[in-house]
Amino acid sequence: MGSRIRKMLTIALIPLALCACTSELDKVRGQFIDNCMSSGAPKSNCKCAIDKLQDHYGEQGLVAINRQGYPPSDFAEQLFVAAGQCRNP
């Protein structure tokens, strides 16, 4: 019976553990998408833009930018380019 309870607890706790393990990158991406959408852009455009920024800066680069609290000097230009590439025709 003890092993059955442990098995049930393990199964019950797996989803909780998965939810608690949101990566820092996921948080950065989520914040970007939320802020982007709050400015009126469609979610698909916001996701596209953050994907392009991630292609340029890399995963660790985006996390570092968020941690520093200020963007690098070329960020506005990269964002402008990404937004232009992601606009729906």
N, C-alpha and C. Protein backbone atom coordinates (compact mmCIF):
# COMPACT_ATOMS: atom_id res chain seq x y z
N MET A 1 0.82 -1.20 0.00
CA MET A 1 0.00 0.00 0.00
C MET A 1 0.86 1.26 0.00
N GLY A 2 1.99 1.25 0.70
CA GLY A 2 2.86 2.41 0.76
C GLY A 2 3.39 2.79 -0.61
N SER A 3 3.76 1.81 -1.42
CA SER A 3 4.28 2.12 -2.76
C SER A 3 3.17 2.66 -3.66
N ARG A 4 1.96 2.21 -3.44
CA ARG A 4 0.83 2.70 -4.23
C ARG A 4 0.57 4.17 -3.92
N ILE A 5 0.64 4.54 -2.66
CA ILE A 5 0.44 5.94 -2.27
C ILE A 5 1.55 6.81 -2.83
N ARG A 6 2.78 6.32 -2.75
CA ARG A 6 3.91 7.08 -3.31
C ARG A 6 3.74 7.29 -4.81
N LYS A 7 3.29 6.24 -5.49
CA LYS A 7 3.08 6.34 -6.93
C LYS A 7 2.00 7.38 -7.24
N MET A 8 0.91 7.36 -6.47
CA MET A 8 -0.17 8.32 -6.68
C MET A 8 0.30 9.74 -6.40
N LEU A 9 1.09 9.92 -5.35
CA LEU A 9 1.61 11.25 -5.03
C LEU A 9 2.54 11.75 -6.12
N THR A 10 3.37 10.84 -6.62
CA THR A 10 4.29 11.22 -7.69
C THR A 10 3.51 11.68 -8.91
N ILE A 11 2.50 10.92 -9.30
CA ILE A 11 1.68 11.28 -10.45
C ILE A 11 0.97 12.61 -10.21
N ALA A 12 0.49 12.83 -9.01
CA ALA A 12 -0.22 14.07 -8.69
C ALA A 12 0.71 15.28 -8.67
N LEU A 13 1.96 15.08 -8.28
CA LEU A 13 2.88 16.21 -8.14
C LEU A 13 3.61 16.57 -9.43
N ILE A 14 3.62 15.69 -10.42
CA ILE A 14 4.33 15.99 -11.66
C ILE A 14 3.81 17.26 -12.33
N PRO A 15 2.50 17.42 -12.52
CA PRO A 15 2.04 18.67 -13.15
C PRO A 15 2.41 19.92 -12.35
N LEU A 16 2.37 19.82 -11.04
CA LEU A 16 2.74 20.95 -10.20
C LEU A 16 4.21 21.29 -10.40
N ALA A 17 5.05 20.29 -10.45
CA ALA A 17 6.48 20.53 -10.65
C ALA A 17 6.74 21.13 -12.03
N LEU A 18 6.03 20.67 -13.03
CA LEU A 18 6.22 21.21 -14.37
C LEU A 18 5.80 22.67 -14.44
N CYS A 19 4.73 23.03 -13.78
CA CYS A 19 4.27 24.42 -13.77
C CYS A 19 5.26 25.32 -13.05
N ALA A 20 5.91 24.82 -12.04
CA ALA A 20 6.83 25.63 -11.24
C ALA A 20 8.17 25.81 -11.93
N CYS A 21 8.40 25.10 -13.01
CA CYS A 21 9.71 25.13 -13.66
C CYS A 21 9.74 26.00 -14.90
N THR A 22 8.94 27.03 -14.94
CA THR A 22 8.97 27.94 -16.07
C THR A 22 10.34 28.58 -16.12
N SER A 23 10.96 28.50 -17.26
CA SER A 23 12.31 29.03 -17.38
C SER A 23 12.29 30.55 -17.40
N GLU A 24 13.44 31.11 -17.12
CA GLU A 24 13.57 32.56 -17.14
C GLU A 24 13.31 33.09 -18.55
N LEU A 25 13.73 32.33 -19.56
CA LEU A 25 13.48 32.73 -20.94
C LEU A 25 11.98 32.77 -21.22
N ASP A 26 11.25 31.77 -20.73
CA ASP A 26 9.80 31.75 -20.92
C ASP A 26 9.15 32.98 -20.30
N LYS A 27 9.65 33.38 -19.14
CA LYS A 27 9.11 34.57 -18.47
C LYS A 27 9.40 35.83 -19.29
N VAL A 28 10.62 35.94 -19.81
CA VAL A 28 11.00 37.10 -20.63
C VAL A 28 10.12 37.16 -21.87
N ARG A 29 9.96 36.02 -22.53
CA ARG A 29 9.13 35.97 -23.73
C ARG A 29 7.69 36.33 -23.41
N GLY A 30 7.17 35.80 -22.32
CA GLY A 30 5.80 36.10 -21.92
C GLY A 30 5.59 37.57 -21.63
N GLN A 31 6.54 38.18 -20.93
CA GLN A 31 6.45 39.61 -20.63
C GLN A 31 6.49 40.43 -21.91
N PHE A 32 7.37 40.07 -22.82
CA PHE A 32 7.47 40.80 -24.09
C PHE A 32 6.15 40.71 -24.84
N ILE A 33 5.62 39.50 -24.96
CA ILE A 33 4.37 39.31 -25.71
C ILE A 33 3.23 40.07 -25.05
N ASP A 34 3.13 40.02 -23.73
CA ASP A 34 2.08 40.77 -23.03
C ASP A 34 2.20 42.27 -23.27
N ASN A 35 3.41 42.80 -23.15
CA ASN A 35 3.63 44.24 -23.37
C ASN A 35 3.35 44.62 -24.82
N CYS A 36 3.78 43.79 -25.73
CA CYS A 36 3.56 44.03 -27.15
C CYS A 36 2.06 44.06 -27.46
N MET A 37 1.33 43.09 -26.95
CA MET A 37 -0.11 43.03 -27.19
C MET A 37 -0.84 44.20 -26.54
N SER A 38 -0.35 44.65 -25.39
CA SER A 38 -1.01 45.78 -24.72
C SER A 38 -0.84 47.07 -25.53
N SER A 39 0.12 47.09 -26.45
CA SER A 39 0.28 48.26 -27.31
C SER A 39 -0.57 48.14 -28.57
N GLY A 40 -1.34 47.05 -28.67
CA GLY A 40 -2.29 46.90 -29.77
C GLY A 40 -1.89 45.95 -30.88
N ALA A 41 -0.72 45.35 -30.79
CA ALA A 41 -0.28 44.42 -31.83
C ALA A 41 -0.92 43.05 -31.63
N PRO A 42 -1.20 42.34 -32.72
CA PRO A 42 -1.74 40.98 -32.60
C PRO A 42 -0.71 40.04 -31.97
N LYS A 43 -1.21 39.04 -31.27
CA LYS A 43 -0.33 38.09 -30.59
C LYS A 43 0.63 37.42 -31.57
N SER A 44 0.15 37.08 -32.75
CA SER A 44 1.02 36.41 -33.73
C SER A 44 2.20 37.29 -34.12
N ASN A 45 1.97 38.59 -34.26
CA ASN A 45 3.07 39.51 -34.59
C ASN A 45 4.05 39.62 -33.43
N CYS A 46 3.52 39.64 -32.21
CA CYS A 46 4.37 39.75 -31.02
C CYS A 46 5.25 38.51 -30.87
N LYS A 47 4.66 37.33 -31.09
CA LYS A 47 5.43 36.09 -31.02
C LYS A 47 6.51 36.07 -32.09
N CYS A 48 6.15 36.51 -33.28
CA CYS A 48 7.11 36.55 -34.37
C CYS A 48 8.27 37.48 -34.02
N ALA A 49 7.95 38.65 -33.47
CA ALA A 49 9.00 39.63 -33.14
C ALA A 49 9.95 39.09 -32.08
N ILE A 50 9.42 38.46 -31.03
CA ILE A 50 10.31 37.95 -29.98
C ILE A 50 11.14 36.79 -30.53
N ASP A 51 10.57 36.00 -31.45
CA ASP A 51 11.36 34.94 -32.08
C ASP A 51 12.54 35.53 -32.85
N LYS A 52 12.29 36.60 -33.58
CA LYS A 52 13.37 37.24 -34.36
C LYS A 52 14.41 37.87 -33.44
N LEU A 53 13.96 38.48 -32.34
CA LEU A 53 14.91 39.04 -31.38
C LEU A 53 15.73 37.93 -30.74
N GLN A 54 15.09 36.80 -30.47
CA GLN A 54 15.81 35.66 -29.89
C GLN A 54 16.82 35.11 -30.90
N ASP A 55 16.45 35.09 -32.18
CA ASP A 55 17.40 34.65 -33.21
C ASP A 55 18.63 35.56 -33.21
N HIS A 56 18.41 36.85 -33.02
CA HIS A 56 19.52 37.82 -33.06
C HIS A 56 20.37 37.77 -31.79
N TYR A 57 19.71 37.83 -30.63
CA TYR A 57 20.44 37.94 -29.35
C TYR A 57 20.71 36.59 -28.69
N GLY A 58 19.98 35.55 -29.08
CA GLY A 58 20.11 34.25 -28.43
C GLY A 58 19.30 34.20 -27.14
N GLU A 59 19.08 32.99 -26.66
CA GLU A 59 18.30 32.81 -25.43
C GLU A 59 18.95 33.53 -24.26
N GLN A 60 20.23 33.29 -24.07
CA GLN A 60 20.93 33.90 -22.93
C GLN A 60 21.02 35.41 -23.08
N GLY A 61 21.09 35.88 -24.32
CA GLY A 61 21.13 37.32 -24.55
C GLY A 61 19.86 38.00 -24.11
N LEU A 62 18.71 37.41 -24.44
CA LEU A 62 17.43 37.99 -24.01
C LEU A 62 17.31 37.99 -22.49
N VAL A 63 17.73 36.90 -21.88
CA VAL A 63 17.68 36.83 -20.41
C VAL A 63 18.60 37.88 -19.81
N ALA A 64 19.78 38.05 -20.37
CA ALA A 64 20.73 39.04 -19.86
C ALA A 64 20.19 40.46 -20.02
N ILE A 65 19.56 40.74 -21.15
CA ILE A 65 18.96 42.07 -21.36
C ILE A 65 17.91 42.33 -20.29
N ASN A 66 17.10 41.34 -20.02
CA ASN A 66 16.06 41.49 -19.00
C ASN A 66 16.66 41.71 -17.62
N ARG A 67 17.70 40.96 -17.30
CA ARG A 67 18.34 41.10 -15.99
C ARG A 67 18.99 42.47 -15.82
N GLN A 68 19.62 42.97 -16.88
CA GLN A 68 20.30 44.26 -16.81
C GLN A 68 19.31 45.40 -16.65
N GLY A 69 18.12 45.22 -17.19
CA GLY A 69 17.09 46.25 -17.06
C GLY A 69 17.16 47.33 -18.12
N TYR A 70 18.11 47.24 -19.02
CA TYR A 70 18.18 48.20 -20.12
C TYR A 70 18.69 47.47 -21.36
N PRO A 71 18.17 47.85 -22.52
CA PRO A 71 18.55 47.15 -23.75
C PRO A 71 19.88 47.63 -24.30
N PRO A 72 20.51 46.80 -25.14
CA PRO A 72 21.74 47.23 -25.81
C PRO A 72 21.43 48.34 -26.82
N SER A 73 22.45 49.00 -27.29
CA SER A 73 22.27 50.17 -28.15
C SER A 73 21.56 49.85 -29.47
N ASP A 74 21.65 48.62 -29.95
CA ASP A 74 21.00 48.29 -31.22
C ASP A 74 19.61 47.68 -31.06
N PHE A 75 19.09 47.65 -29.84
CA PHE A 75 17.82 46.96 -29.58
C PHE A 75 16.66 47.61 -30.33
N ALA A 76 16.56 48.93 -30.30
CA ALA A 76 15.46 49.62 -30.97
C ALA A 76 15.47 49.31 -32.47
N GLU A 77 16.66 49.31 -33.06
CA GLU A 77 16.78 49.00 -34.49
C GLU A 77 16.36 47.56 -34.76
N GLN A 78 16.82 46.62 -33.92
CA GLN A 78 16.46 45.21 -34.09
C GLN A 78 14.96 45.00 -33.93
N LEU A 79 14.37 45.70 -32.98
CA LEU A 79 12.92 45.59 -32.75
C LEU A 79 12.16 46.15 -33.95
N PHE A 80 12.61 47.27 -34.49
CA PHE A 80 11.98 47.87 -35.66
C PHE A 80 12.04 46.92 -36.86
N VAL A 81 13.19 46.31 -37.08
CA VAL A 81 13.36 45.36 -38.18
C VAL A 81 12.45 44.15 -37.97
N ALA A 82 12.46 43.61 -36.75
CA ALA A 82 11.62 42.44 -36.44
C ALA A 82 10.15 42.75 -36.65
N ALA A 83 9.72 43.90 -36.16
CA ALA A 83 8.31 44.29 -36.30
C ALA A 83 7.93 44.41 -37.77
N GLY A 84 8.82 44.98 -38.56
CA GLY A 84 8.56 45.11 -40.00
C GLY A 84 8.45 43.76 -40.69
N GLN A 85 9.27 42.82 -40.30
CA GLN A 85 9.25 41.49 -40.90
C GLN A 85 8.04 40.68 -40.45
N CYS A 86 7.46 41.04 -39.32
CA CYS A 86 6.37 40.25 -38.75
C CYS A 86 4.99 40.81 -39.04
N ARG A 87 4.91 41.97 -39.66
CA ARG A 87 3.60 42.54 -39.98
C ARG A 87 2.86 41.65 -40.95
N ASN A 88 1.56 41.53 -40.72
CA ASN A 88 0.73 40.77 -41.65
C ASN A 88 0.54 41.60 -42.92
N PRO A 89 0.67 40.97 -44.09
CA PRO A 89 0.52 41.72 -45.35
C PRO A 89 -0.90 42.20 -45.56
